[in-house]
């Protein structure tokens, strides 16, 4: 006869949550540092592209006017150091919002902030998903005073987790063959689960609800504009280069992987249009510009 183990609940206690530093960025700490290169905008990739595409003039322009990524006292790409009581506009997102491959003045978030005025509170982080954005907005909710929060998440299949051994937050995505296995050992079946639309949808919507709740608590306006579909970006670029004054400017991102300046300007225009429209209704569904199952179909 098996022994029945009973649990005495009368001895239960209430314990304090042992949370990591919720104000961290992702992967590494970059406080008060400047970099010439950051992933995916690497020097080796740039040198390869210069050699592989010698006729692309924009790459030559980056040789003459290189990018410098400057990070503030908390490790975010903004010239504004964070301090309690800081007023400004909050920008949530991934590398599109951080501006990988771009001078800061060419990034959509900077352009929007310059247009409306105020301190630039840029929470854009390379590789981030909506979970990272929700965590950061919550972590700093009693630290800043802000009336506007702008959210841009083009890649919904990214899941944040905390690694207690390194005390860092990391981002996991099944949309890349190698990336998940570099930071966390997961099985092929786990990748299939992460690539499932149902799991992505519930993760995305629960974190969006968290962001909305923080905005309600702060009496701040949340603005979410749908990402520009890949199929429309070529037309945007064609219209941009037709403008004579643009022909002397850099258009492509230096890493040639992120969208160019024409995209950044158009997305900034769309966001400002939403901001200036008191009747604008937020886009609340995850953008599905990527299909991670192409990397996991063979595992199903």
C-alpha atoms as a PDB file:
ATOM      1  CA  UNK A   1       0.000   0.000   0.000  1.00  0.00           C
ATOM      2  CA  UNK A   2       1.422   3.393  -1.022  1.00  0.00           C
ATOM      3  CA  UNK A   3       2.035   5.901   1.737  1.00  0.00           C
ATOM      4  CA  UNK A   4      -0.111   9.006   1.512  1.00  0.00           C
ATOM      5  CA  UNK A   5       1.852  12.198   2.087  1.00  0.00           C
ATOM      6  CA  UNK A   6      -0.181  15.019   3.565  1.00  0.00           C
ATOM      7  CA  UNK A   7       0.744  18.688   3.466  1.00  0.00           C
ATOM      8  CA  UNK A   8       0.094  20.844   6.483  1.00  0.00           C
ATOM      9  CA  UNK A   9      -1.083  24.158   4.999  1.00  0.00           C
ATOM     10  CA  UNK A  10      -1.325  25.734   8.407  1.00  0.00           C
ATOM     11  CA  UNK A  11       2.454  26.277   8.204  1.00  0.00           C
ATOM     12  CA  UNK A  12       2.237  28.248   4.981  1.00  0.00           C
ATOM     13  CA  UNK A  13       3.929  31.620   5.004  1.00  0.00           C
ATOM     14  CA  UNK A  14       3.802  34.589   2.687  1.00  0.00           C
ATOM     15  CA  UNK A  15       7.181  35.238   1.124  1.00  0.00           C
ATOM     16  CA  UNK A  16       8.540  38.332  -0.588  1.00  0.00           C
ATOM     17  CA  UNK A  17       9.074  37.961  -4.322  1.00  0.00           C
ATOM     18  CA  UNK A  18      12.761  37.647  -5.193  1.00  0.00           C
ATOM     19  CA  UNK A  19      12.814  39.682  -8.405  1.00  0.00           C
ATOM     20  CA  UNK A  20      15.759  40.558 -10.583  1.00  0.00           C
ATOM     21  CA  UNK A  21      16.473  44.144 -11.599  1.00  0.00           C
ATOM     22  CA  UNK A  22      13.475  44.879 -13.816  1.00  0.00           C
ATOM     23  CA  UNK A  23      15.081  48.033 -15.198  1.00  0.00           C
ATOM     24  CA  UNK A  24      17.743  46.088 -17.128  1.00  0.00           C
ATOM     25  CA  UNK A  25      17.998  46.070 -20.898  1.00  0.00           C
ATOM     26  CA  UNK A  26      18.624  42.722 -22.655  1.00  0.00           C
ATOM     27  CA  UNK A  27      21.608  40.365 -22.755  1.00  0.00           C
ATOM     28  CA  UNK A  28      24.325  42.799 -21.626  1.00  0.00           C
ATOM     29  CA  UNK A  29      24.739  46.078 -19.761  1.00  0.00           C
ATOM     30  CA  UNK A  30      25.795  49.133 -21.787  1.00  0.00           C
ATOM     31  CA  UNK A  31      25.515  51.939 -19.234  1.00  0.00           C
ATOM     32  CA  UNK A  32      27.350  55.147 -20.119  1.00  0.00           C
ATOM     33  CA  UNK A  33      29.104  53.587 -23.077  1.00  0.00           C
ATOM     34  CA  UNK A  34      29.546  54.373 -26.750  1.00  0.00           C
ATOM     35  CA  UNK A  35      30.013  51.736 -29.457  1.00  0.00           C
ATOM     36  CA  UNK A  36      30.994  51.898 -33.091  1.00  0.00           C
ATOM     37  CA  UNK A  37      29.313  48.552 -33.729  1.00  0.00           C
ATOM     38  CA  UNK A  38      26.535  46.555 -32.081  1.00  0.00           C
ATOM     39  CA  UNK A  39      24.726  43.396 -33.233  1.00  0.00           C
ATOM     40  CA  UNK A  40      23.530  43.026 -35.983  1.00  0.00           C
ATOM     41  CA  UNK A  41      25.471  46.042 -37.254  1.00  0.00           C
ATOM     42  CA  UNK A  42      28.922  44.476 -37.035  1.00  0.00           C
ATOM     43  CA  UNK A  43      32.187  45.677 -38.531  1.00  0.00           C
ATOM     44  CA  UNK A  44      32.797  42.302 -40.209  1.00  0.00           C
ATOM     45  CA  UNK A  45      29.411  42.459 -41.931  1.00  0.00           C
ATOM     46  CA  UNK A  46      30.048  46.022 -43.058  1.00  0.00           C
ATOM     47  CA  UNK A  47      33.450  45.138 -44.546  1.00  0.00           C
ATOM     48  CA  UNK A  48      31.865  42.165 -46.295  1.00  0.00           C
ATOM     49  CA  UNK A  49      29.112  44.336 -47.769  1.00  0.00           C
ATOM     50  CA  UNK A  50      31.570  47.006 -48.923  1.00  0.00           C
ATOM     51  CA  UNK A  51      33.427  44.322 -50.852  1.00  0.00           C
ATOM     52  CA  UNK A  52      30.348  42.464 -52.074  1.00  0.00           C
ATOM     53  CA  UNK A  53      28.411  45.582 -53.158  1.00  0.00           C
ATOM     54  CA  UNK A  54      31.008  48.109 -54.369  1.00  0.00           C
ATOM     55  CA  UNK A  55      28.401  50.115 -56.316  1.00  0.00           C
ATOM     56  CA  UNK A  56      26.228  50.935 -53.301  1.00  0.00           C
ATOM     57  CA  UNK A  57      27.153  54.547 -52.585  1.00  0.00           C
ATOM     58  CA  UNK A  58      25.414  54.630 -49.201  1.00  0.00           C
ATOM     59  CA  UNK A  59      27.975  52.207 -47.780  1.00  0.00           C
ATOM     60  CA  UNK A  60      30.761  54.569 -48.829  1.00  0.00           C
ATOM     61  CA  UNK A  61      28.964  57.395 -47.040  1.00  0.00           C
ATOM     62  CA  UNK A  62      29.016  55.398 -43.811  1.00  0.00           C
ATOM     63  CA  UNK A  63      32.805  55.159 -44.159  1.00  0.00           C
ATOM     64  CA  UNK A  64      32.969  58.960 -44.200  1.00  0.00           C
ATOM     65  CA  UNK A  65      30.278  59.457 -41.537  1.00  0.00           C
ATOM     66  CA  UNK A  66      30.293  56.399 -39.243  1.00  0.00           C
ATOM     67  CA  UNK A  67      27.576  55.665 -36.719  1.00  0.00           C
ATOM     68  CA  UNK A  68      28.243  55.906 -32.998  1.00  0.00           C
ATOM     69  CA  UNK A  69      25.802  54.236 -30.646  1.00  0.00           C
ATOM     70  CA  UNK A  70      25.717  56.133 -27.353  1.00  0.00           C
ATOM     71  CA  UNK A  71      23.936  54.625 -24.359  1.00  0.00           C
ATOM     72  CA  UNK A  72      22.813  56.512 -21.258  1.00  0.00           C
ATOM     73  CA  UNK A  73      23.247  55.775 -17.548  1.00  0.00           C
ATOM     74  CA  UNK A  74      20.748  52.887 -17.733  1.00  0.00           C
ATOM     75  CA  UNK A  75      22.023  51.449 -21.024  1.00  0.00           C
ATOM     76  CA  UNK A  76      19.419  52.887 -23.420  1.00  0.00           C
ATOM     77  CA  UNK A  77      20.135  54.706 -26.675  1.00  0.00           C
ATOM     78  CA  UNK A  78      19.196  58.279 -25.818  1.00  0.00           C
ATOM     79  CA  UNK A  79      21.236  61.370 -24.975  1.00  0.00           C
ATOM     80  CA  UNK A  80      18.981  61.836 -21.925  1.00  0.00           C
ATOM     81  CA  UNK A  81      20.209  60.325 -18.661  1.00  0.00           C
ATOM     82  CA  UNK A  82      17.402  58.853 -16.596  1.00  0.00           C
ATOM     83  CA  UNK A  83      16.575  60.392 -13.238  1.00  0.00           C
ATOM     84  CA  UNK A  84      13.540  60.260 -10.999  1.00  0.00           C
ATOM     85  CA  UNK A  85      10.828  62.700 -12.025  1.00  0.00           C
ATOM     86  CA  UNK A  86      12.047  62.967 -15.633  1.00  0.00           C
ATOM     87  CA  UNK A  87       9.310  64.146 -17.996  1.00  0.00           C
ATOM     88  CA  UNK A  88       9.165  63.063 -21.612  1.00  0.00           C
ATOM     89  CA  UNK A  89       7.804  60.615 -24.177  1.00  0.00           C
ATOM     90  CA  UNK A  90       8.268  56.853 -23.903  1.00  0.00           C
ATOM     91  CA  UNK A  91       9.123  54.707 -26.925  1.00  0.00           C
ATOM     92  CA  UNK A  92       8.813  50.915 -26.705  1.00  0.00           C
ATOM     93  CA  UNK A  93      10.130  48.476 -29.274  1.00  0.00           C
ATOM     94  CA  UNK A  94      13.001  46.505 -30.717  1.00  0.00           C
ATOM     95  CA  UNK A  95      15.950  47.345 -32.999  1.00  0.00           C
ATOM     96  CA  UNK A  96      13.660  49.437 -35.220  1.00  0.00           C
ATOM     97  CA  UNK A  97      13.073  51.753 -32.251  1.00  0.00           C
ATOM     98  CA  UNK A  98      16.650  51.635 -30.962  1.00  0.00           C
ATOM     99  CA  UNK A  99      17.815  52.350 -34.503  1.00  0.00           C
ATOM    100  CA  UNK A 100      20.306  49.613 -35.349  1.00  0.00           C
ATOM    101  CA  UNK A 101      22.095  50.495 -38.576  1.00  0.00           C
ATOM    102  CA  UNK A 102      21.136  54.176 -38.364  1.00  0.00           C
ATOM    103  CA  UNK A 103      22.329  57.496 -37.056  1.00  0.00           C
ATOM    104  CA  UNK A 104      19.975  58.406 -34.227  1.00  0.00           C
ATOM    105  CA  UNK A 105      18.491  61.377 -36.088  1.00  0.00           C
ATOM    106  CA  UNK A 106      17.239  58.997 -38.808  1.00  0.00           C
ATOM    107  CA  UNK A 107      15.298  56.711 -36.449  1.00  0.00           C
ATOM    108  CA  UNK A 108      11.480  56.939 -36.391  1.00  0.00           C
ATOM    109  CA  UNK A 109      11.315  57.290 -32.600  1.00  0.00           C
ATOM    110  CA  UNK A 110      13.746  60.222 -32.559  1.00  0.00           C
ATOM    111  CA  UNK A 111      11.863  61.911 -35.408  1.00  0.00           C
ATOM    112  CA  UNK A 112       8.532  61.609 -33.591  1.00  0.00           C
ATOM    113  CA  UNK A 113       9.998  62.905 -30.339  1.00  0.00           C
ATOM    114  CA  UNK A 114      11.595  65.877 -32.081  1.00  0.00           C
ATOM    115  CA  UNK A 115       8.251  66.729 -33.690  1.00  0.00           C
ATOM    116  CA  UNK A 116       6.207  66.703 -30.475  1.00  0.00           C
ATOM    117  CA  UNK A 117       8.925  67.905 -28.078  1.00  0.00           C
ATOM    118  CA  UNK A 118      10.089  66.605 -24.723  1.00  0.00           C
ATOM    119  CA  UNK A 119      12.730  64.267 -23.350  1.00  0.00           C
ATOM    120  CA  UNK A 120      13.453  61.167 -25.417  1.00  0.00           C
ATOM    121  CA  UNK A 121      12.815  58.123 -23.198  1.00  0.00           C
ATOM    122  CA  UNK A 122      13.843  55.407 -25.637  1.00  0.00           C
ATOM    123  CA  UNK A 123      13.244  51.847 -24.417  1.00  0.00           C
ATOM    124  CA  UNK A 124      13.999  50.361 -27.843  1.00  0.00           C
ATOM    125  CA  UNK A 125      16.246  47.293 -27.522  1.00  0.00           C
ATOM    126  CA  UNK A 126      17.645  45.037 -30.229  1.00  0.00           C
ATOM    127  CA  UNK A 127      15.971  41.621 -30.181  1.00  0.00           C
ATOM    128  CA  UNK A 128      13.190  42.733 -27.851  1.00  0.00           C
ATOM    129  CA  UNK A 129       9.613  41.532 -28.006  1.00  0.00           C
ATOM    130  CA  UNK A 130       6.515  42.899 -26.346  1.00  0.00           C
ATOM    131  CA  UNK A 131       7.346  41.211 -23.038  1.00  0.00           C
ATOM    132  CA  UNK A 132      10.496  43.304 -22.718  1.00  0.00           C
ATOM    133  CA  UNK A 133       8.536  46.459 -23.488  1.00  0.00           C
ATOM    134  CA  UNK A 134       5.890  45.649 -20.884  1.00  0.00           C
ATOM    135  CA  UNK A 135       8.492  44.879 -18.220  1.00  0.00           C
ATOM    136  CA  UNK A 136      10.404  48.120 -18.793  1.00  0.00           C
ATOM    137  CA  UNK A 137       7.292  50.286 -18.796  1.00  0.00           C
ATOM    138  CA  UNK A 138       6.239  48.693 -15.498  1.00  0.00           C
ATOM    139  CA  UNK A 139       9.729  48.902 -13.977  1.00  0.00           C
ATOM    140  CA  UNK A 140       9.985  52.664 -14.569  1.00  0.00           C
ATOM    141  CA  UNK A 141       6.319  53.564 -14.035  1.00  0.00           C
ATOM    142  CA  UNK A 142       6.955  55.372 -10.740  1.00  0.00           C
ATOM    143  CA  UNK A 143      10.243  56.844 -11.969  1.00  0.00           C
ATOM    144  CA  UNK A 144       9.137  59.002 -14.903  1.00  0.00           C
ATOM    145  CA  UNK A 145       6.345  61.462 -15.642  1.00  0.00           C
ATOM    146  CA  UNK A 146       5.038  60.995 -19.161  1.00  0.00           C
ATOM    147  CA  UNK A 147       1.857  61.575 -21.121  1.00  0.00           C
ATOM    148  CA  UNK A 148       2.666  59.636 -24.308  1.00  0.00           C
ATOM    149  CA  UNK A 149       3.750  56.033 -24.854  1.00  0.00           C
ATOM    150  CA  UNK A 150       4.515  54.796 -28.388  1.00  0.00           C
ATOM    151  CA  UNK A 151       4.698  51.040 -29.035  1.00  0.00           C
ATOM    152  CA  UNK A 152       6.213  49.439 -32.136  1.00  0.00           C
ATOM    153  CA  UNK A 153       6.606  45.645 -32.142  1.00  0.00           C
ATOM    154  CA  UNK A 154       7.150  44.299 -35.683  1.00  0.00           C
ATOM    155  CA  UNK A 155       8.228  40.829 -34.492  1.00  0.00           C
ATOM    156  CA  UNK A 156       5.701  39.119 -32.191  1.00  0.00           C
ATOM    157  CA  UNK A 157       7.513  35.757 -31.912  1.00  0.00           C
ATOM    158  CA  UNK A 158       9.968  36.877 -29.236  1.00  0.00           C
ATOM    159  CA  UNK A 159       9.689  35.708 -25.659  1.00  0.00           C
ATOM    160  CA  UNK A 160      11.612  37.238 -22.784  1.00  0.00           C
ATOM    161  CA  UNK A 161      12.991  35.224 -19.898  1.00  0.00           C
ATOM    162  CA  UNK A 162      15.226  35.958 -16.910  1.00  0.00           C
ATOM    163  CA  UNK A 163      18.427  33.963 -16.464  1.00  0.00           C
ATOM    164  CA  UNK A 164      19.155  33.796 -12.708  1.00  0.00           C
ATOM    165  CA  UNK A 165      22.727  32.568 -13.148  1.00  0.00           C
ATOM    166  CA  UNK A 166      23.771  35.668 -15.126  1.00  0.00           C
ATOM    167  CA  UNK A 167      21.088  37.930 -13.632  1.00  0.00           C
ATOM    168  CA  UNK A 168      20.235  39.155 -17.135  1.00  0.00           C
ATOM    169  CA  UNK A 169      17.091  39.181 -19.241  1.00  0.00           C
ATOM    170  CA  UNK A 170      17.296  37.443 -22.604  1.00  0.00           C
ATOM    171  CA  UNK A 171      15.054  37.162 -25.632  1.00  0.00           C
ATOM    172  CA  UNK A 172      14.118  33.866 -27.244  1.00  0.00           C
ATOM    173  CA  UNK A 173      12.727  33.439 -30.743  1.00  0.00           C
ATOM    174  CA  UNK A 174      11.947  30.369 -32.872  1.00  0.00           C
ATOM    175  CA  UNK A 175      12.263  32.499 -36.012  1.00  0.00           C
ATOM    176  CA  UNK A 176      16.041  32.074 -36.012  1.00  0.00           C
ATOM    177  CA  UNK A 177      17.698  28.709 -36.382  1.00  0.00           C
ATOM    178  CA  UNK A 178      20.640  29.354 -34.094  1.00  0.00           C
ATOM    179  CA  UNK A 179      19.675  32.174 -31.745  1.00  0.00           C
ATOM    180  CA  UNK A 180      17.545  30.227 -29.217  1.00  0.00           C
ATOM    181  CA  UNK A 181      20.269  27.640 -28.678  1.00  0.00           C
ATOM    182  CA  UNK A 182      23.024  30.151 -27.937  1.00  0.00           C
ATOM    183  CA  UNK A 183      21.486  31.468 -24.727  1.00  0.00           C
ATOM    184  CA  UNK A 184      19.142  28.725 -23.551  1.00  0.00           C
ATOM    185  CA  UNK A 185      19.189  25.013 -24.271  1.00  0.00           C
ATOM    186  CA  UNK A 186      15.765  24.134 -25.631  1.00  0.00           C
ATOM    187  CA  UNK A 187      14.454  21.114 -27.504  1.00  0.00           C
ATOM    188  CA  UNK A 188      13.195  21.055 -31.066  1.00  0.00           C
ATOM    189  CA  UNK A 189       9.722  20.493 -29.691  1.00  0.00           C
ATOM    190  CA  UNK A 190      10.069  23.687 -27.637  1.00  0.00           C
ATOM    191  CA  UNK A 191      10.816  25.607 -30.813  1.00  0.00           C
ATOM    192  CA  UNK A 192       7.643  24.231 -32.376  1.00  0.00           C
ATOM    193  CA  UNK A 193       5.657  25.362 -29.323  1.00  0.00           C
ATOM    194  CA  UNK A 194       7.180  28.858 -29.436  1.00  0.00           C
ATOM    195  CA  UNK A 195       6.375  29.151 -33.144  1.00  0.00           C
ATOM    196  CA  UNK A 196       2.719  28.308 -32.604  1.00  0.00           C
ATOM    197  CA  UNK A 197       0.385  31.205 -33.341  1.00  0.00           C
ATOM    198  CA  UNK A 198      -1.808  30.477 -30.314  1.00  0.00           C
ATOM    199  CA  UNK A 199       1.098  30.737 -27.878  1.00  0.00           C
ATOM    200  CA  UNK A 200       2.406  33.860 -29.600  1.00  0.00           C
ATOM    201  CA  UNK A 201      -1.035  35.473 -29.560  1.00  0.00           C
ATOM    202  CA  UNK A 202      -1.747  34.864 -25.859  1.00  0.00           C
ATOM    203  CA  UNK A 203       1.763  36.038 -24.869  1.00  0.00           C
ATOM    204  CA  UNK A 204       1.454  39.161 -26.993  1.00  0.00           C
ATOM    205  CA  UNK A 205      -2.041  40.113 -25.870  1.00  0.00           C
ATOM    206  CA  UNK A 206      -1.344  39.559 -22.159  1.00  0.00           C
ATOM    207  CA  UNK A 207       1.724  41.817 -22.339  1.00  0.00           C
ATOM    208  CA  UNK A 208      -0.208  44.410 -24.345  1.00  0.00           C
ATOM    209  CA  UNK A 209      -2.837  44.382 -21.579  1.00  0.00           C
ATOM    210  CA  UNK A 210      -0.032  44.973 -19.044  1.00  0.00           C
ATOM    211  CA  UNK A 211       1.188  47.967 -21.061  1.00  0.00           C
ATOM    212  CA  UNK A 212      -2.353  49.333 -21.306  1.00  0.00           C
ATOM    213  CA  UNK A 213      -2.830  48.958 -17.534  1.00  0.00           C
ATOM    214  CA  UNK A 214       0.369  50.900 -16.767  1.00  0.00           C
ATOM    215  CA  UNK A 215      -0.747  53.643 -19.174  1.00  0.00           C
ATOM    216  CA  UNK A 216      -4.096  53.855 -17.395  1.00  0.00           C
ATOM    217  CA  UNK A 217      -2.358  54.146 -14.025  1.00  0.00           C
ATOM    218  CA  UNK A 218      -0.158  56.952 -15.382  1.00  0.00           C
ATOM    219  CA  UNK A 219      -3.015  58.616 -17.267  1.00  0.00           C
ATOM    220  CA  UNK A 220      -0.796  58.385 -20.346  1.00  0.00           C
ATOM    221  CA  UNK A 221      -1.906  58.014 -23.936  1.00  0.00           C
ATOM    222  CA  UNK A 222      -0.780  54.797 -25.641  1.00  0.00           C
ATOM    223  CA  UNK A 223      -0.298  54.907 -29.407  1.00  0.00           C
ATOM    224  CA  UNK A 224       0.170  51.685 -31.383  1.00  0.00           C
ATOM    225  CA  UNK A 225       0.529  51.956 -35.164  1.00  0.00           C
ATOM    226  CA  UNK A 226       0.693  48.877 -37.336  1.00  0.00           C
ATOM    227  CA  UNK A 227       4.058  48.119 -38.879  1.00  0.00           C
ATOM    228  CA  UNK A 228       4.488  48.795 -42.595  1.00  0.00           C
ATOM    229  CA  UNK A 229       4.105  45.487 -44.491  1.00  0.00           C
ATOM    230  CA  UNK A 230       7.178  44.282 -46.371  1.00  0.00           C
ATOM    231  CA  UNK A 231       5.268  44.400 -49.633  1.00  0.00           C
ATOM    232  CA  UNK A 232       4.752  48.171 -49.315  1.00  0.00           C
ATOM    233  CA  UNK A 233       8.306  49.118 -48.388  1.00  0.00           C
ATOM    234  CA  UNK A 234       9.732  49.026 -51.908  1.00  0.00           C
ATOM    235  CA  UNK A 235       7.118  51.523 -53.100  1.00  0.00           C
ATOM    236  CA  UNK A 236       7.962  53.789 -50.150  1.00  0.00           C
ATOM    237  CA  UNK A 237      11.640  53.620 -51.106  1.00  0.00           C
ATOM    238  CA  UNK A 238      10.870  54.379 -54.773  1.00  0.00           C
ATOM    239  CA  UNK A 239       8.868  57.475 -53.805  1.00  0.00           C
ATOM    240  CA  UNK A 240      11.608  58.583 -51.408  1.00  0.00           C
ATOM    241  CA  UNK A 241      14.432  58.445 -53.963  1.00  0.00           C
ATOM    242  CA  UNK A 242      12.347  60.407 -56.489  1.00  0.00           C
ATOM    243  CA  UNK A 243      12.646  63.451 -54.227  1.00  0.00           C
ATOM    244  CA  UNK A 244      15.702  65.327 -55.459  1.00  0.00           C
ATOM    245  CA  UNK A 245      16.768  66.581 -52.041  1.00  0.00           C
ATOM    246  CA  UNK A 246      16.968  62.991 -50.783  1.00  0.00           C
ATOM    247  CA  UNK A 247      19.472  61.828 -53.379  1.00  0.00           C
ATOM    248  CA  UNK A 248      22.484  63.099 -51.453  1.00  0.00           C
ATOM    249  CA  UNK A 249      21.321  61.413 -48.226  1.00  0.00           C
ATOM    250  CA  UNK A 250      21.983  57.948 -46.912  1.00  0.00           C
ATOM    251  CA  UNK A 251      18.945  55.669 -47.307  1.00  0.00           C
ATOM    252  CA  UNK A 252      19.950  52.106 -46.447  1.00  0.00           C
ATOM    253  CA  UNK A 253      20.711  50.909 -42.935  1.00  0.00           C
ATOM    254  CA  UNK A 254      24.423  50.275 -42.524  1.00  0.00           C
ATOM    255  CA  UNK A 255      23.878  46.580 -41.737  1.00  0.00           C
ATOM    256  CA  UNK A 256      21.622  46.211 -44.822  1.00  0.00           C
ATOM    257  CA  UNK A 257      19.319  44.061 -42.699  1.00  0.00           C
ATOM    258  CA  UNK A 258      17.100  46.660 -41.077  1.00  0.00           C
ATOM    259  CA  UNK A 259      14.736  48.941 -43.016  1.00  0.00           C
ATOM    260  CA  UNK A 260      16.161  52.147 -44.453  1.00  0.00           C
ATOM    261  CA  UNK A 261      15.580  55.824 -43.868  1.00  0.00           C
ATOM    262  CA  UNK A 262      12.585  55.901 -46.227  1.00  0.00           C
ATOM    263  CA  UNK A 263      10.846  53.389 -43.946  1.00  0.00           C
ATOM    264  CA  UNK A 264      11.803  55.339 -40.825  1.00  0.00           C
ATOM    265  CA  UNK A 265      10.422  58.592 -42.228  1.00  0.00           C
ATOM    266  CA  UNK A 266       7.188  56.976 -43.395  1.00  0.00           C
ATOM    267  CA  UNK A 267       6.586  55.185 -40.106  1.00  0.00           C
ATOM    268  CA  UNK A 268       7.267  58.414 -38.199  1.00  0.00           C
ATOM    269  CA  UNK A 269       4.722  60.149 -40.445  1.00  0.00           C
ATOM    270  CA  UNK A 270       2.113  57.473 -39.663  1.00  0.00           C
ATOM    271  CA  UNK A 271       2.759  57.695 -35.927  1.00  0.00           C
ATOM    272  CA  UNK A 272       2.495  61.483 -35.921  1.00  0.00           C
ATOM    273  CA  UNK A 273      -0.740  61.200 -37.873  1.00  0.00           C
ATOM    274  CA  UNK A 274      -2.129  58.912 -35.174  1.00  0.00           C
ATOM    275  CA  UNK A 275      -0.828  61.199 -32.411  1.00  0.00           C
ATOM    276  CA  UNK A 276      -2.518  64.247 -33.946  1.00  0.00           C
ATOM    277  CA  UNK A 277      -5.825  62.415 -34.433  1.00  0.00           C
ATOM    278  CA  UNK A 278      -7.852  62.418 -31.181  1.00  0.00           C
ATOM    279  CA  UNK A 279     -10.120  59.723 -32.643  1.00  0.00           C
ATOM    280  CA  UNK A 280      -7.299  57.336 -33.597  1.00  0.00           C
ATOM    281  CA  UNK A 281      -7.949  53.721 -32.552  1.00  0.00           C
ATOM    282  CA  UNK A 282      -4.874  51.651 -31.683  1.00  0.00           C
ATOM    283  CA  UNK A 283      -3.863  48.631 -33.699  1.00  0.00           C
ATOM    284  CA  UNK A 284      -4.037  45.889 -31.073  1.00  0.00           C
ATOM    285  CA  UNK A 285      -3.268  42.657 -32.917  1.00  0.00           C
ATOM    286  CA  UNK A 286       0.302  41.411 -33.333  1.00  0.00           C
ATOM    287  CA  UNK A 287       1.923  42.245 -36.648  1.00  0.00           C
ATOM    288  CA  UNK A 288       2.580  39.057 -38.552  1.00  0.00           C
ATOM    289  CA  UNK A 289       5.322  40.152 -40.926  1.00  0.00           C
ATOM    290  CA  UNK A 290       7.305  37.002 -40.138  1.00  0.00           C
ATOM    291  CA  UNK A 291       6.444  33.313 -40.321  1.00  0.00           C
ATOM    292  CA  UNK A 292       8.671  31.343 -37.946  1.00  0.00           C
ATOM    293  CA  UNK A 293       7.135  27.996 -38.866  1.00  0.00           C
ATOM    294  CA  UNK A 294       9.274  27.907 -42.001  1.00  0.00           C
ATOM    295  CA  UNK A 295      12.158  27.067 -39.670  1.00  0.00           C
ATOM    296  CA  UNK A 296      10.266  24.509 -37.586  1.00  0.00           C
ATOM    297  CA  UNK A 297       8.013  22.782 -40.090  1.00  0.00           C
ATOM    298  CA  UNK A 298      10.471  19.915 -40.516  1.00  0.00           C
ATOM    299  CA  UNK A 299      10.297  19.300 -36.754  1.00  0.00           C
ATOM    300  CA  UNK A 300       6.515  18.907 -36.587  1.00  0.00           C
END
